[in-house]
Amino acid sequence: MSAMFRALWNYRGFIAGSVRREFQSKYRNSLLGALWTILNPLAMIFVYTVIFAEVMKAKLPGVASTFGYSIYLCSGILTWGLFAELVGRSQTVFIDNANLLKKISFPRLCLPAVVIANASINFAITFGIFTAFLVVSGNFPGLAFIAMVPLLLILVFFSIGLGITLGVLNVFFRDVGQFFGIFITFWFWLTPIIYPATALSEKLRLFLDFNPMASLMAAFQGVLVLGQWPHWETLWPITSLAAFLCLVGMRFFRRHAGEIVDEL
């Protein structure tokens, strides 16, 4: 494990350069350039606020704030977006960089590290704007906001563990990527993000115990909407699963690292 981190540290220049090139290529030939990274989340927050808070007058049960439902939506969609980007890009990272893997010798784990760095930057910009909205609108959750740090770490480890495992499988069985693209759509709608868990019947709510993302999304929403500290005991299943997937993914990757290049 220490050798792995040492290798990543030695290639930190390669990782930073890859992140910078991807960020620059994303807005190449664009008149507004990197300004789009601010305009897109601003537009999303504005639409959710105006449509749901002002036009539809949508209310979240038990929340008095006018922006309660808008904040609920943003908190779920933004954090799910980070999860979806990490898993989605990790499962195709070896296929997308096939030419690079064949031509240059470097630690293969640099590629997932680039994915994490890029997704984190995108999320930090978007979430920073959302946090500013919470402050300006008088809905900042207070001290409970600190809990976002361990919650995001759990999310990242779960995402990257799942993503690397799927990424290795996807090299050998391309149906894995196609299937997961469909599966994650159902997963999103089976997780209380657009609707609160209380909108489900008691029988359906029992199935949420089998959805590892349900408890994590509820923790994010509890912090950002209600200013409540997470119920940490409910997060042990997804934390354990994240650790398990990271170990399985790393072991799986090491065992098949040589075969990946040949298969590509």
C-alpha atoms as a PDB file:
ATOM      1  CA  MET A   1       0.000   0.000   0.000  1.00  0.00           C
ATOM      2  CA  SER A   2       2.812   2.412   0.904  1.00  0.00           C
ATOM      3  CA  ALA A   3       4.538   1.571  -2.406  1.00  0.00           C
ATOM      4  CA  MET A   4       1.351   2.506  -4.241  1.00  0.00           C
ATOM      5  CA  PHE A   5       1.099   5.922  -2.574  1.00  0.00           C
ATOM      6  CA  ARG A   6       4.831   6.495  -3.084  1.00  0.00           C
ATOM      7  CA  ALA A   7       4.435   5.770  -6.803  1.00  0.00           C
ATOM      8  CA  LEU A   8       1.521   8.203  -7.045  1.00  0.00           C
ATOM      9  CA  TRP A   9       3.553  10.854  -5.220  1.00  0.00           C
ATOM     10  CA  ASN A  10       6.516  10.353  -7.566  1.00  0.00           C
ATOM     11  CA  TYR A  11       4.188  10.857 -10.537  1.00  0.00           C
ATOM     12  CA  ARG A  12       2.346  13.836  -9.032  1.00  0.00           C
ATOM     13  CA  GLY A  13       3.573  16.016 -11.904  1.00  0.00           C
ATOM     14  CA  PHE A  14       2.021  13.646 -14.440  1.00  0.00           C
ATOM     15  CA  ILE A  15      -1.276  13.645 -12.493  1.00  0.00           C
ATOM     16  CA  ALA A  16      -1.348  17.455 -12.137  1.00  0.00           C
ATOM     17  CA  GLY A  17      -0.504  17.908 -15.821  1.00  0.00           C
ATOM     18  CA  SER A  18      -3.268  15.509 -16.875  1.00  0.00           C
ATOM     19  CA  VAL A  19      -5.805  17.335 -14.700  1.00  0.00           C
ATOM     20  CA  ARG A  20      -4.751  20.699 -16.104  1.00  0.00           C
ATOM     21  CA  ARG A  21      -4.889  19.490 -19.726  1.00  0.00           C
ATOM     22  CA  GLU A  22      -8.343  18.023 -19.285  1.00  0.00           C
ATOM     23  CA  PHE A  23      -9.653  21.193 -17.655  1.00  0.00           C
ATOM     24  CA  GLN A  24      -8.202  23.338 -20.450  1.00  0.00           C
ATOM     25  CA  SER A  25      -9.442  21.076 -23.270  1.00  0.00           C
ATOM     26  CA  LYS A  26     -12.946  21.148 -21.805  1.00  0.00           C
ATOM     27  CA  TYR A  27     -13.270  24.868 -22.535  1.00  0.00           C
ATOM     28  CA  ARG A  28     -11.023  25.148 -25.593  1.00  0.00           C
ATOM     29  CA  ASN A  29     -12.542  27.263 -28.404  1.00  0.00           C
ATOM     30  CA  SER A  30     -15.162  28.562 -25.966  1.00  0.00           C
ATOM     31  CA  LEU A  31     -15.722  32.321 -25.782  1.00  0.00           C
ATOM     32  CA  LEU A  32     -16.497  32.297 -22.051  1.00  0.00           C
ATOM     33  CA  GLY A  33     -13.949  29.597 -21.226  1.00  0.00           C
ATOM     34  CA  ALA A  34     -13.755  28.496 -17.584  1.00  0.00           C
ATOM     35  CA  LEU A  35     -16.571  30.912 -16.740  1.00  0.00           C
ATOM     36  CA  TRP A  36     -18.955  28.099 -17.739  1.00  0.00           C
ATOM     37  CA  THR A  37     -17.914  26.213 -14.580  1.00  0.00           C
ATOM     38  CA  ILE A  38     -19.626  28.978 -12.613  1.00  0.00           C
ATOM     39  CA  LEU A  39     -22.536  29.719 -14.954  1.00  0.00           C
ATOM     40  CA  ASN A  40     -23.791  26.116 -15.129  1.00  0.00           C
ATOM     41  CA  PRO A  41     -24.248  25.585 -11.353  1.00  0.00           C
ATOM     42  CA  LEU A  42     -25.615  29.125 -11.004  1.00  0.00           C
ATOM     43  CA  ALA A  43     -28.239  28.335 -13.642  1.00  0.00           C
ATOM     44  CA  MET A  44     -29.178  25.075 -11.893  1.00  0.00           C
ATOM     45  CA  ILE A  45     -29.577  26.726  -8.486  1.00  0.00           C
ATOM     46  CA  PHE A  46     -31.538  29.617 -10.031  1.00  0.00           C
ATOM     47  CA  VAL A  47     -33.929  27.272 -11.874  1.00  0.00           C
ATOM     48  CA  TYR A  48     -34.562  25.091  -8.811  1.00  0.00           C
ATOM     49  CA  THR A  49     -35.097  28.133  -6.616  1.00  0.00           C
ATOM     50  CA  VAL A  50     -37.389  30.014  -8.986  1.00  0.00           C
ATOM     51  CA  ILE A  51     -39.380  27.040 -10.284  1.00  0.00           C
ATOM     52  CA  PHE A  52     -39.865  25.085  -7.060  1.00  0.00           C
ATOM     53  CA  ALA A  53     -39.749  27.836  -4.433  1.00  0.00           C
ATOM     54  CA  GLU A  54     -41.427  30.742  -6.210  1.00  0.00           C
ATOM     55  CA  VAL A  55     -43.555  29.296  -9.027  1.00  0.00           C
ATOM     56  CA  MET A  56     -44.641  25.880  -7.694  1.00  0.00           C
ATOM     57  CA  LYS A  57     -44.408  26.911  -4.014  1.00  0.00           C
ATOM     58  CA  ALA A  58     -43.147  23.404  -3.271  1.00  0.00           C
ATOM     59  CA  LYS A  59     -42.743  22.691   0.440  1.00  0.00           C
ATOM     60  CA  LEU A  60     -40.757  20.002   2.204  1.00  0.00           C
ATOM     61  CA  PRO A  61     -42.609  18.356   5.119  1.00  0.00           C
ATOM     62  CA  GLY A  62     -41.278  19.628   8.437  1.00  0.00           C
ATOM     63  CA  VAL A  63     -39.202  22.436   6.861  1.00  0.00           C
ATOM     64  CA  ALA A  64     -40.442  26.002   7.198  1.00  0.00           C
ATOM     65  CA  SER A  65     -37.919  27.630   4.840  1.00  0.00           C
ATOM     66  CA  THR A  66     -39.219  28.824   1.482  1.00  0.00           C
ATOM     67  CA  PHE A  67     -36.154  27.295  -0.136  1.00  0.00           C
ATOM     68  CA  GLY A  68     -36.398  23.998   1.766  1.00  0.00           C
ATOM     69  CA  TYR A  69     -37.298  21.820  -1.212  1.00  0.00           C
ATOM     70  CA  SER A  70     -34.834  23.614  -3.516  1.00  0.00           C
ATOM     71  CA  ILE A  71     -32.018  22.989  -1.022  1.00  0.00           C
ATOM     72  CA  TYR A  72     -33.168  19.387  -0.634  1.00  0.00           C
ATOM     73  CA  LEU A  73     -32.969  18.876  -4.411  1.00  0.00           C
ATOM     74  CA  CYS A  74     -29.590  20.574  -4.791  1.00  0.00           C
ATOM     75  CA  SER A  75     -28.009  18.727  -1.853  1.00  0.00           C
ATOM     76  CA  GLY A  76     -29.062  15.370  -3.281  1.00  0.00           C
ATOM     77  CA  ILE A  77     -28.392  16.063  -6.949  1.00  0.00           C
ATOM     78  CA  LEU A  78     -24.963  17.652  -6.384  1.00  0.00           C
ATOM     79  CA  THR A  79     -23.650  14.850  -4.187  1.00  0.00           C
ATOM     80  CA  TRP A  80     -25.183  12.145  -6.384  1.00  0.00           C
ATOM     81  CA  GLY A  81     -23.580  13.913  -9.351  1.00  0.00           C
ATOM     82  CA  LEU A  82     -20.156  13.503  -7.729  1.00  0.00           C
ATOM     83  CA  PHE A  83     -20.865   9.807  -7.154  1.00  0.00           C
ATOM     84  CA  ALA A  84     -22.097   9.276 -10.720  1.00  0.00           C
ATOM     85  CA  GLU A  85     -19.118  11.122 -12.243  1.00  0.00           C
ATOM     86  CA  LEU A  86     -16.568   9.178 -10.184  1.00  0.00           C
ATOM     87  CA  VAL A  87     -18.115   5.773 -10.904  1.00  0.00           C
ATOM     88  CA  GLY A  88     -18.928   6.535 -14.537  1.00  0.00           C
ATOM     89  CA  ARG A  89     -15.465   7.809 -15.415  1.00  0.00           C
ATOM     90  CA  SER A  90     -13.647   5.163 -13.363  1.00  0.00           C
ATOM     91  CA  GLN A  91     -15.404   2.323 -15.155  1.00  0.00           C
ATOM     92  CA  THR A  92     -14.197   3.599 -18.544  1.00  0.00           C
ATOM     93  CA  VAL A  93     -10.860   5.126 -17.502  1.00  0.00           C
ATOM     94  CA  PHE A  94      -8.701   2.269 -18.825  1.00  0.00           C
ATOM     95  CA  ILE A  95     -10.612   2.035 -22.114  1.00  0.00           C
ATOM     96  CA  ASP A  96     -10.581   5.822 -22.632  1.00  0.00           C
ATOM     97  CA  ASN A  97      -6.807   5.932 -22.082  1.00  0.00           C
ATOM     98  CA  ALA A  98      -5.933   2.809 -24.083  1.00  0.00           C
ATOM     99  CA  ASN A  99      -3.463   4.646 -26.349  1.00  0.00           C
ATOM    100  CA  LEU A 100      -1.709   6.219 -23.369  1.00  0.00           C
ATOM    101  CA  LEU A 101      -1.425   2.871 -21.590  1.00  0.00           C
ATOM    102  CA  LYS A 102       0.165   1.269 -24.651  1.00  0.00           C
ATOM    103  CA  LYS A 103       2.679   4.046 -25.349  1.00  0.00           C
ATOM    104  CA  ILE A 104       3.845   5.299 -21.932  1.00  0.00           C
ATOM    105  CA  SER A 105       5.040   3.455 -18.848  1.00  0.00           C
ATOM    106  CA  PHE A 106       3.589   4.899 -15.648  1.00  0.00           C
ATOM    107  CA  PRO A 107       1.719   3.622 -12.553  1.00  0.00           C
ATOM    108  CA  ARG A 108      -1.738   2.702 -13.848  1.00  0.00           C
ATOM    109  CA  LEU A 109      -3.346   4.014 -10.661  1.00  0.00           C
ATOM    110  CA  CYS A 110      -2.469   7.522 -11.811  1.00  0.00           C
ATOM    111  CA  LEU A 111      -5.526   7.337 -14.067  1.00  0.00           C
ATOM    112  CA  PRO A 112      -8.084   6.849 -11.232  1.00  0.00           C
ATOM    113  CA  ALA A 113      -6.207   9.583  -9.325  1.00  0.00           C
ATOM    114  CA  VAL A 114      -6.773  11.960 -12.269  1.00  0.00           C
ATOM    115  CA  VAL A 115     -10.471  11.031 -12.275  1.00  0.00           C
ATOM    116  CA  ILE A 116     -10.765  11.784  -8.543  1.00  0.00           C
ATOM    117  CA  ALA A 117      -8.926  15.102  -8.914  1.00  0.00           C
ATOM    118  CA  ASN A 118     -11.040  16.286 -11.867  1.00  0.00           C
ATOM    119  CA  ALA A 119     -14.334  15.253 -10.283  1.00  0.00           C
ATOM    120  CA  SER A 120     -13.320  16.893  -6.990  1.00  0.00           C
ATOM    121  CA  ILE A 121     -12.479  20.180  -8.713  1.00  0.00           C
ATOM    122  CA  ASN A 122     -15.799  20.210 -10.586  1.00  0.00           C
ATOM    123  CA  PHE A 123     -17.682  19.406  -7.388  1.00  0.00           C
ATOM    124  CA  ALA A 124     -15.771  21.979  -5.325  1.00  0.00           C
ATOM    125  CA  ILE A 125     -16.682  24.773  -7.756  1.00  0.00           C
ATOM    126  CA  THR A 126     -20.350  23.804  -7.928  1.00  0.00           C
ATOM    127  CA  PHE A 127     -20.710  23.097  -4.221  1.00  0.00           C
ATOM    128  CA  GLY A 128     -18.876  26.310  -3.355  1.00  0.00           C
ATOM    129  CA  ILE A 129     -21.513  28.296  -5.246  1.00  0.00           C
ATOM    130  CA  PHE A 130     -24.281  26.302  -3.575  1.00  0.00           C
ATOM    131  CA  THR A 131     -22.731  27.019  -0.151  1.00  0.00           C
ATOM    132  CA  ALA A 132     -22.642  30.734  -0.995  1.00  0.00           C
ATOM    133  CA  PHE A 133     -26.366  30.499  -1.835  1.00  0.00           C
ATOM    134  CA  LEU A 134     -27.044  28.882   1.559  1.00  0.00           C
ATOM    135  CA  VAL A 135     -25.223  31.721   3.320  1.00  0.00           C
ATOM    136  CA  VAL A 136     -26.887  34.526   1.323  1.00  0.00           C
ATOM    137  CA  SER A 137     -30.380  33.025   1.698  1.00  0.00           C
ATOM    138  CA  GLY A 138     -29.933  32.539   5.454  1.00  0.00           C
ATOM    139  CA  ASN A 139     -30.065  28.742   5.264  1.00  0.00           C
ATOM    140  CA  PHE A 140     -26.479  27.856   6.183  1.00  0.00           C
ATOM    141  CA  PRO A 141     -26.614  24.743   8.409  1.00  0.00           C
ATOM    142  CA  GLY A 142     -24.101  25.998  10.989  1.00  0.00           C
ATOM    143  CA  LEU A 143     -21.627  23.751  12.818  1.00  0.00           C
ATOM    144  CA  ALA A 144     -23.167  20.581  11.365  1.00  0.00           C
ATOM    145  CA  PHE A 145     -21.618  21.623   8.030  1.00  0.00           C
ATOM    146  CA  ILE A 146     -18.333  20.117   9.307  1.00  0.00           C
ATOM    147  CA  ALA A 147     -19.914  16.676   8.907  1.00  0.00           C
ATOM    148  CA  MET A 148     -19.728  17.162   5.124  1.00  0.00           C
ATOM    149  CA  VAL A 149     -16.024  16.252   5.241  1.00  0.00           C
ATOM    150  CA  PRO A 150     -16.373  12.636   6.500  1.00  0.00           C
ATOM    151  CA  LEU A 151     -19.551  12.183   4.437  1.00  0.00           C
ATOM    152  CA  LEU A 152     -17.755  13.203   1.243  1.00  0.00           C
ATOM    153  CA  LEU A 153     -14.829  10.922   2.087  1.00  0.00           C
ATOM    154  CA  ILE A 154     -17.215   7.976   2.446  1.00  0.00           C
ATOM    155  CA  LEU A 155     -18.801   8.910  -0.890  1.00  0.00           C
ATOM    156  CA  VAL A 156     -15.450   9.170  -2.686  1.00  0.00           C
ATOM    157  CA  PHE A 157     -14.096   5.871  -1.320  1.00  0.00           C
ATOM    158  CA  PHE A 158     -17.339   4.043  -2.135  1.00  0.00           C
ATOM    159  CA  SER A 159     -17.419   5.539  -5.642  1.00  0.00           C
ATOM    160  CA  ILE A 160     -13.799   4.846  -6.509  1.00  0.00           C
ATOM    161  CA  GLY A 161     -13.889   1.319  -5.050  1.00  0.00           C
ATOM    162  CA  LEU A 162     -16.961   0.498  -7.123  1.00  0.00           C
ATOM    163  CA  GLY A 163     -15.597   2.343 -10.152  1.00  0.00           C
ATOM    164  CA  ILE A 164     -12.210   0.589 -10.259  1.00  0.00           C
ATOM    165  CA  THR A 165     -13.834  -2.822  -9.805  1.00  0.00           C
ATOM    166  CA  LEU A 166     -16.226  -2.105 -12.691  1.00  0.00           C
ATOM    167  CA  GLY A 167     -13.406  -0.504 -14.704  1.00  0.00           C
ATOM    168  CA  VAL A 168     -11.294  -3.664 -14.668  1.00  0.00           C
ATOM    169  CA  LEU A 169     -14.319  -5.834 -15.488  1.00  0.00           C
ATOM    170  CA  ASN A 170     -15.311  -3.467 -18.283  1.00  0.00           C
ATOM    171  CA  VAL A 171     -11.990  -3.999 -20.055  1.00  0.00           C
ATOM    172  CA  PHE A 172     -12.702  -7.717 -20.411  1.00  0.00           C
ATOM    173  CA  PHE A 173     -16.513  -7.612 -20.600  1.00  0.00           C
ATOM    174  CA  ARG A 174     -17.759  -4.445 -22.328  1.00  0.00           C
ATOM    175  CA  ASP A 175     -21.365  -5.259 -21.413  1.00  0.00           C
ATOM    176  CA  VAL A 176     -20.517  -4.241 -17.832  1.00  0.00           C
ATOM    177  CA  GLY A 177     -20.332  -0.557 -18.775  1.00  0.00           C
ATOM    178  CA  GLN A 178     -23.518  -0.702 -20.840  1.00  0.00           C
ATOM    179  CA  PHE A 179     -25.437  -2.459 -18.084  1.00  0.00           C
ATOM    180  CA  PHE A 180     -24.268  -0.127 -15.337  1.00  0.00           C
ATOM    181  CA  GLY A 181     -25.294   2.916 -17.382  1.00  0.00           C
ATOM    182  CA  ILE A 182     -28.874   1.602 -17.258  1.00  0.00           C
ATOM    183  CA  PHE A 183     -28.594   0.390 -13.676  1.00  0.00           C
ATOM    184  CA  ILE A 184     -27.438   3.744 -12.258  1.00  0.00           C
ATOM    185  CA  THR A 185     -30.498   5.451 -13.774  1.00  0.00           C
ATOM    186  CA  PHE A 186     -32.795   3.109 -11.836  1.00  0.00           C
ATOM    187  CA  TRP A 187     -30.556   3.481  -8.776  1.00  0.00           C
ATOM    188  CA  PHE A 188     -31.022   7.272  -8.874  1.00  0.00           C
ATOM    189  CA  TRP A 189     -34.805   7.055  -8.932  1.00  0.00           C
ATOM    190  CA  LEU A 190     -34.857   4.363  -6.238  1.00  0.00           C
ATOM    191  CA  THR A 191     -32.929   6.707  -3.921  1.00  0.00           C
ATOM    192  CA  PRO A 192     -34.823   9.526  -2.106  1.00  0.00           C
ATOM    193  CA  ILE A 193     -33.285  12.482  -3.938  1.00  0.00           C
ATOM    194  CA  ILE A 194     -36.147  14.050  -5.886  1.00  0.00           C
ATOM    195  CA  TYR A 195     -38.709  12.897  -3.317  1.00  0.00           C
ATOM    196  CA  PRO A 196     -38.423  12.525   0.491  1.00  0.00           C
ATOM    197  CA  ALA A 197     -38.396   9.030   2.000  1.00  0.00           C
ATOM    198  CA  THR A 198     -41.610   9.908   3.839  1.00  0.00           C
ATOM    199  CA  ALA A 199     -43.411   9.995   0.473  1.00  0.00           C
ATOM    200  CA  LEU A 200     -42.979   6.222   0.213  1.00  0.00           C
ATOM    201  CA  SER A 201     -45.264   3.697   1.825  1.00  0.00           C
ATOM    202  CA  GLU A 202     -44.025   1.846   4.882  1.00  0.00           C
ATOM    203  CA  LYS A 203     -43.462  -1.334   2.866  1.00  0.00           C
ATOM    204  CA  LEU A 204     -41.409   0.436   0.223  1.00  0.00           C
ATOM    205  CA  ARG A 205     -39.335   2.215   2.864  1.00  0.00           C
ATOM    206  CA  LEU A 206     -38.123  -1.170   4.078  1.00  0.00           C
ATOM    207  CA  PHE A 207     -36.316  -1.645   0.745  1.00  0.00           C
ATOM    208  CA  LEU A 208     -34.231   1.481   1.397  1.00  0.00           C
ATOM    209  CA  ASP A 209     -32.233  -0.579   3.900  1.00  0.00           C
ATOM    210  CA  PHE A 210     -30.835  -2.498   0.916  1.00  0.00           C
ATOM    211  CA  ASN A 211     -29.811   0.697  -0.891  1.00  0.00           C
ATOM    212  CA  PRO A 212     -26.379   1.784   0.444  1.00  0.00           C
ATOM    213  CA  MET A 213     -26.730   5.257  -1.082  1.00  0.00           C
ATOM    214  CA  ALA A 214     -30.056   5.965   0.674  1.00  0.00           C
ATOM    215  CA  SER A 215     -28.503   6.444   4.123  1.00  0.00           C
ATOM    216  CA  LEU A 216     -25.666   8.563   2.711  1.00  0.00           C
ATOM    217  CA  MET A 217     -28.015  10.824   0.751  1.00  0.00           C
ATOM    218  CA  ALA A 218     -30.202  11.174   3.849  1.00  0.00           C
ATOM    219  CA  ALA A 219     -27.124  12.241   5.822  1.00  0.00           C
ATOM    220  CA  PHE A 220     -26.235  14.919   3.242  1.00  0.00           C
ATOM    221  CA  GLN A 221     -29.815  16.176   3.167  1.00  0.00           C
ATOM    222  CA  GLY A 222     -30.041  16.190   6.960  1.00  0.00           C
ATOM    223  CA  VAL A 223     -26.953  18.367   7.237  1.00  0.00           C
ATOM    224  CA  LEU A 224     -27.746  20.815   4.438  1.00  0.00           C
ATOM    225  CA  VAL A 225     -31.532  21.071   4.805  1.00  0.00           C
ATOM    226  CA  LEU A 226     -32.072  20.657   8.543  1.00  0.00           C
ATOM    227  CA  GLY A 227     -28.636  21.488   9.951  1.00  0.00           C
ATOM    228  CA  GLN A 228     -28.607  18.125  11.742  1.00  0.00           C
ATOM    229  CA  TRP A 229     -25.579  15.961  12.481  1.00  0.00           C
ATOM    230  CA  PRO A 230     -25.739  12.579  10.701  1.00  0.00           C
ATOM    231  CA  HIS A 231     -26.817   9.446  12.532  1.00  0.00           C
ATOM    232  CA  TRP A 232     -23.407   7.840  12.163  1.00  0.00           C
ATOM    233  CA  GLU A 233     -24.640   4.360  13.045  1.00  0.00           C
ATOM    234  CA  THR A 234     -26.730   4.300   9.848  1.00  0.00           C
ATOM    235  CA  LEU A 235     -23.581   4.875   7.777  1.00  0.00           C
ATOM    236  CA  TRP A 236     -21.685   1.785   8.917  1.00  0.00           C
ATOM    237  CA  PRO A 237     -23.078  -0.409   6.078  1.00  0.00           C
ATOM    238  CA  ILE A 238     -21.930   1.915   3.276  1.00  0.00           C
ATOM    239  CA  THR A 239     -18.625   2.656   5.042  1.00  0.00           C
ATOM    240  CA  SER A 240     -17.909  -1.068   5.368  1.00  0.00           C
ATOM    241  CA  LEU A 241     -18.963  -1.634   1.765  1.00  0.00           C
ATOM    242  CA  ALA A 242     -16.693   1.222   0.618  1.00  0.00           C
ATOM    243  CA  ALA A 243     -13.699  -0.332   2.409  1.00  0.00           C
ATOM    244  CA  PHE A 244     -14.528  -3.763   0.991  1.00  0.00           C
ATOM    245  CA  LEU A 245     -14.884  -2.462  -2.594  1.00  0.00           C
ATOM    246  CA  CYS A 246     -11.614  -0.519  -2.354  1.00  0.00           C
ATOM    247  CA  LEU A 247      -9.762  -3.657  -1.208  1.00  0.00           C
ATOM    248  CA  VAL A 248     -11.428  -5.845  -3.844  1.00  0.00           C
ATOM    249  CA  GLY A 249     -10.886  -3.244  -6.568  1.00  0.00           C
ATOM    250  CA  MET A 250      -7.188  -2.819  -5.718  1.00  0.00           C
ATOM    251  CA  ARG A 251      -6.583  -6.554  -5.528  1.00  0.00           C
ATOM    252  CA  PHE A 252      -8.494  -7.111  -8.753  1.00  0.00           C
ATOM    253  CA  PHE A 253      -6.512  -4.341 -10.451  1.00  0.00           C
ATOM    254  CA  ARG A 254      -3.117  -5.653  -9.318  1.00  0.00           C
ATOM    255  CA  ARG A 255      -3.924  -9.184 -10.453  1.00  0.00           C
ATOM    256  CA  HIS A 256      -5.003  -8.102 -13.946  1.00  0.00           C
ATOM    257  CA  ALA A 257      -2.868  -4.965 -14.498  1.00  0.00           C
ATOM    258  CA  GLY A 258      -0.678  -6.708 -17.084  1.00  0.00           C
ATOM    259  CA  GLU A 259      -3.618  -8.271 -18.902  1.00  0.00           C
ATOM    260  CA  ILE A 260      -5.440  -4.936 -19.176  1.00  0.00           C
ATOM    261  CA  VAL A 261      -2.916  -3.514 -21.671  1.00  0.00           C
ATOM    262  CA  ASP A 262      -2.962  -6.710 -23.754  1.00  0.00           C
ATOM    263  CA  GLU A 263      -6.774  -6.733 -23.820  1.00  0.00           C
ATOM    264  CA  LEU A 264      -6.932  -3.089 -24.888  1.00  0.00           C
END
